[in-house]
N, C-alpha and C. Protein backbone atom coordinates (compact mmCIF):
# COMPACT_ATOMS: atom_id res chain seq x y z
N MET A 1 -28.84 31.28 -43.11
CA MET A 1 -29.65 30.41 -42.28
C MET A 1 -28.81 29.30 -41.66
N GLN A 2 -27.90 28.75 -42.47
CA GLN A 2 -27.05 27.68 -41.97
C GLN A 2 -26.11 28.22 -40.89
N ASP A 3 -25.62 29.45 -41.07
CA ASP A 3 -24.76 30.06 -40.05
C ASP A 3 -25.51 30.25 -38.74
N ASP A 4 -26.77 30.63 -38.85
CA ASP A 4 -27.59 30.79 -37.64
C ASP A 4 -27.75 29.45 -36.92
N ALA A 5 -27.92 28.38 -37.67
CA ALA A 5 -28.07 27.05 -37.07
C ALA A 5 -26.78 26.63 -36.39
N LYS A 6 -25.63 26.90 -37.02
CA LYS A 6 -24.34 26.56 -36.42
C LYS A 6 -24.13 27.36 -35.13
N GLU A 7 -24.46 28.66 -35.21
CA GLU A 7 -24.31 29.52 -34.03
C GLU A 7 -25.21 29.03 -32.90
N TYR A 8 -26.43 28.66 -33.25
CA TYR A 8 -27.36 28.13 -32.25
C TYR A 8 -26.80 26.85 -31.62
N ASN A 9 -26.23 25.97 -32.44
CA ASN A 9 -25.65 24.73 -31.92
C ASN A 9 -24.48 25.01 -30.99
N VAL A 10 -23.65 25.98 -31.36
CA VAL A 10 -22.51 26.34 -30.51
C VAL A 10 -23.01 26.86 -29.17
N TYR A 11 -23.99 27.76 -29.20
CA TYR A 11 -24.53 28.29 -27.95
C TYR A 11 -25.22 27.20 -27.13
N THR A 12 -25.90 26.31 -27.81
CA THR A 12 -26.56 25.20 -27.11
C THR A 12 -25.53 24.31 -26.43
N GLU A 13 -24.43 24.01 -27.15
CA GLU A 13 -23.37 23.19 -26.57
C GLU A 13 -22.70 23.90 -25.40
N LEU A 14 -22.47 25.20 -25.54
CA LEU A 14 -21.88 25.97 -24.45
C LEU A 14 -22.79 25.98 -23.22
N LEU A 15 -24.08 26.17 -23.46
CA LEU A 15 -25.04 26.16 -22.36
C LEU A 15 -25.04 24.81 -21.66
N TYR A 16 -25.04 23.75 -22.46
CA TYR A 16 -25.01 22.40 -21.88
C TYR A 16 -23.73 22.19 -21.07
N ALA A 17 -22.60 22.60 -21.64
CA ALA A 17 -21.32 22.45 -20.93
C ALA A 17 -21.34 23.24 -19.62
N TRP A 18 -21.90 24.45 -19.65
CA TRP A 18 -21.99 25.27 -18.45
C TRP A 18 -22.86 24.58 -17.39
N GLN A 19 -23.97 24.01 -17.82
CA GLN A 19 -24.86 23.31 -16.89
C GLN A 19 -24.16 22.10 -16.27
N VAL A 20 -23.40 21.38 -17.08
CA VAL A 20 -22.66 20.22 -16.56
C VAL A 20 -21.64 20.68 -15.53
N LEU A 21 -20.87 21.72 -15.87
CA LEU A 21 -19.88 22.24 -14.93
C LEU A 21 -20.55 22.76 -13.66
N ASP A 22 -21.67 23.42 -13.82
CA ASP A 22 -22.39 23.95 -12.66
C ASP A 22 -22.91 22.83 -11.77
N SER A 23 -23.28 21.71 -12.38
CA SER A 23 -23.77 20.58 -11.57
C SER A 23 -22.64 19.87 -10.86
N ILE A 24 -21.43 19.95 -11.41
CA ILE A 24 -20.27 19.31 -10.78
C ILE A 24 -19.87 20.07 -9.52
N LYS A 25 -19.93 21.38 -9.57
CA LYS A 25 -19.51 22.20 -8.44
C LYS A 25 -20.25 21.83 -7.15
N PRO A 26 -21.56 21.71 -7.17
CA PRO A 26 -22.24 21.33 -5.93
C PRO A 26 -21.80 19.95 -5.41
N VAL A 27 -21.48 19.03 -6.32
CA VAL A 27 -21.01 17.72 -5.88
C VAL A 27 -19.69 17.87 -5.13
N GLU A 28 -18.79 18.69 -5.68
CA GLU A 28 -17.51 18.93 -5.02
C GLU A 28 -17.73 19.62 -3.67
N MET A 29 -18.68 20.55 -3.64
CA MET A 29 -18.98 21.22 -2.38
C MET A 29 -19.55 20.24 -1.38
N GLN A 30 -20.40 19.32 -1.83
CA GLN A 30 -20.97 18.31 -0.94
C GLN A 30 -19.89 17.38 -0.43
N GLU A 31 -18.94 17.01 -1.29
CA GLU A 31 -17.84 16.16 -0.86
C GLU A 31 -17.01 16.87 0.21
N ALA A 32 -16.75 18.15 0.02
CA ALA A 32 -16.00 18.92 1.01
C ALA A 32 -16.78 18.98 2.32
N GLU A 33 -18.08 19.18 2.23
CA GLU A 33 -18.92 19.20 3.44
C GLU A 33 -18.90 17.85 4.13
N ASN A 34 -18.96 16.78 3.34
CA ASN A 34 -18.89 15.43 3.93
C ASN A 34 -17.57 15.20 4.63
N GLN A 35 -16.47 15.69 4.05
CA GLN A 35 -15.16 15.53 4.68
C GLN A 35 -15.09 16.32 5.98
N ARG A 36 -15.63 17.54 5.98
CA ARG A 36 -15.65 18.34 7.22
C ARG A 36 -16.48 17.64 8.29
N HIS A 37 -17.62 17.09 7.88
CA HIS A 37 -18.48 16.39 8.82
C HIS A 37 -17.78 15.15 9.37
N ALA A 38 -17.09 14.42 8.51
CA ALA A 38 -16.36 13.23 8.96
C ALA A 38 -15.25 13.61 9.94
N ARG A 39 -14.53 14.71 9.66
CA ARG A 39 -13.49 15.17 10.59
C ARG A 39 -14.10 15.57 11.92
N MET A 40 -15.25 16.26 11.87
CA MET A 40 -15.91 16.68 13.10
C MET A 40 -16.31 15.46 13.93
N LEU A 41 -16.88 14.44 13.26
CA LEU A 41 -17.26 13.22 13.98
C LEU A 41 -16.04 12.50 14.54
N ALA A 42 -14.96 12.46 13.77
CA ALA A 42 -13.73 11.82 14.25
C ALA A 42 -13.18 12.56 15.46
N ASN A 43 -13.19 13.88 15.41
CA ASN A 43 -12.71 14.68 16.55
C ASN A 43 -13.59 14.44 17.78
N LYS A 44 -14.90 14.37 17.56
CA LYS A 44 -15.82 14.13 18.67
C LYS A 44 -15.57 12.75 19.27
N GLN A 45 -15.36 11.75 18.40
CA GLN A 45 -15.08 10.40 18.87
C GLN A 45 -13.78 10.36 19.66
N GLU A 46 -12.75 11.04 19.17
CA GLU A 46 -11.47 11.10 19.89
C GLU A 46 -11.65 11.76 21.25
N ALA A 47 -12.45 12.81 21.31
CA ALA A 47 -12.69 13.49 22.59
C ALA A 47 -13.42 12.56 23.56
N LEU A 48 -14.38 11.78 23.05
CA LEU A 48 -15.09 10.82 23.91
C LEU A 48 -14.14 9.74 24.42
N VAL A 49 -13.25 9.27 23.56
CA VAL A 49 -12.28 8.25 23.96
C VAL A 49 -11.36 8.82 25.04
N ARG A 50 -10.86 10.04 24.84
CA ARG A 50 -9.99 10.67 25.85
C ARG A 50 -10.74 10.82 27.18
N GLU A 51 -12.00 11.22 27.11
CA GLU A 51 -12.81 11.37 28.32
C GLU A 51 -12.95 10.04 29.05
N GLU A 52 -13.23 8.97 28.30
CA GLU A 52 -13.37 7.64 28.91
C GLU A 52 -12.04 7.17 29.49
N GLU A 53 -10.94 7.44 28.80
CA GLU A 53 -9.62 7.08 29.32
C GLU A 53 -9.34 7.83 30.61
N HIS A 54 -9.70 9.11 30.65
CA HIS A 54 -9.50 9.92 31.86
C HIS A 54 -10.32 9.36 33.02
N LYS A 55 -11.57 9.01 32.74
CA LYS A 55 -12.42 8.43 33.78
C LYS A 55 -11.83 7.12 34.30
N ALA A 56 -11.39 6.27 33.38
CA ALA A 56 -10.80 4.98 33.78
C ALA A 56 -9.55 5.21 34.61
N HIS A 57 -8.73 6.15 34.22
CA HIS A 57 -7.51 6.45 34.98
C HIS A 57 -7.88 6.96 36.38
N SER A 58 -8.89 7.80 36.48
CA SER A 58 -9.31 8.33 37.78
C SER A 58 -9.82 7.20 38.68
N VAL A 59 -10.62 6.29 38.12
CA VAL A 59 -11.13 5.16 38.90
C VAL A 59 -9.98 4.28 39.38
N MET A 60 -9.05 3.99 38.48
CA MET A 60 -7.91 3.14 38.86
C MET A 60 -7.05 3.82 39.92
N SER A 61 -6.84 5.11 39.77
CA SER A 61 -6.04 5.86 40.73
C SER A 61 -6.72 5.87 42.09
N HIS A 62 -8.03 6.08 42.09
CA HIS A 62 -8.79 6.07 43.34
C HIS A 62 -8.71 4.70 44.01
N ALA A 63 -8.88 3.64 43.21
CA ALA A 63 -8.81 2.28 43.76
C ALA A 63 -7.42 1.99 44.30
N PHE A 64 -6.40 2.42 43.60
CA PHE A 64 -5.02 2.21 44.06
C PHE A 64 -4.79 2.95 45.38
N ASN A 65 -5.25 4.19 45.46
CA ASN A 65 -5.06 4.97 46.69
C ASN A 65 -5.80 4.34 47.87
N GLU A 66 -7.02 3.84 47.63
CA GLU A 66 -7.76 3.17 48.70
C GLU A 66 -7.05 1.90 49.15
N ALA A 67 -6.56 1.13 48.20
CA ALA A 67 -5.84 -0.10 48.55
C ALA A 67 -4.58 0.22 49.33
N ARG A 68 -3.88 1.25 48.95
CA ARG A 68 -2.66 1.66 49.66
C ARG A 68 -3.01 2.12 51.07
N ASP A 69 -4.07 2.92 51.19
CA ASP A 69 -4.48 3.42 52.51
C ASP A 69 -4.88 2.27 53.43
N GLN A 70 -5.57 1.26 52.88
CA GLN A 70 -5.99 0.11 53.70
C GLN A 70 -4.78 -0.71 54.14
N SER A 71 -3.80 -0.85 53.27
CA SER A 71 -2.63 -1.65 53.63
C SER A 71 -1.76 -0.91 54.64
N GLU A 72 -1.79 0.41 54.64
CA GLU A 72 -1.02 1.20 55.59
C GLU A 72 -1.76 1.33 56.92
N GLY A 73 -3.07 1.27 56.88
CA GLY A 73 -3.86 1.56 58.07
C GLY A 73 -4.27 0.38 58.79
């Protein structure tokens, strides 16, 4: 009877340990997902910044060309 109780305790502890490990895995997966999401947002932000820089450069170039044309004409 005592051996059965020890065996039950071992299995109970193993089950508990398995549940703890199983609960950790989703947290790690969520952290990985959060990192991917953060990289995606950072890439999107960088693309928006490049787009705004391109627009600003185009406006400045257009203004420079108009000013040059007016001074020549």
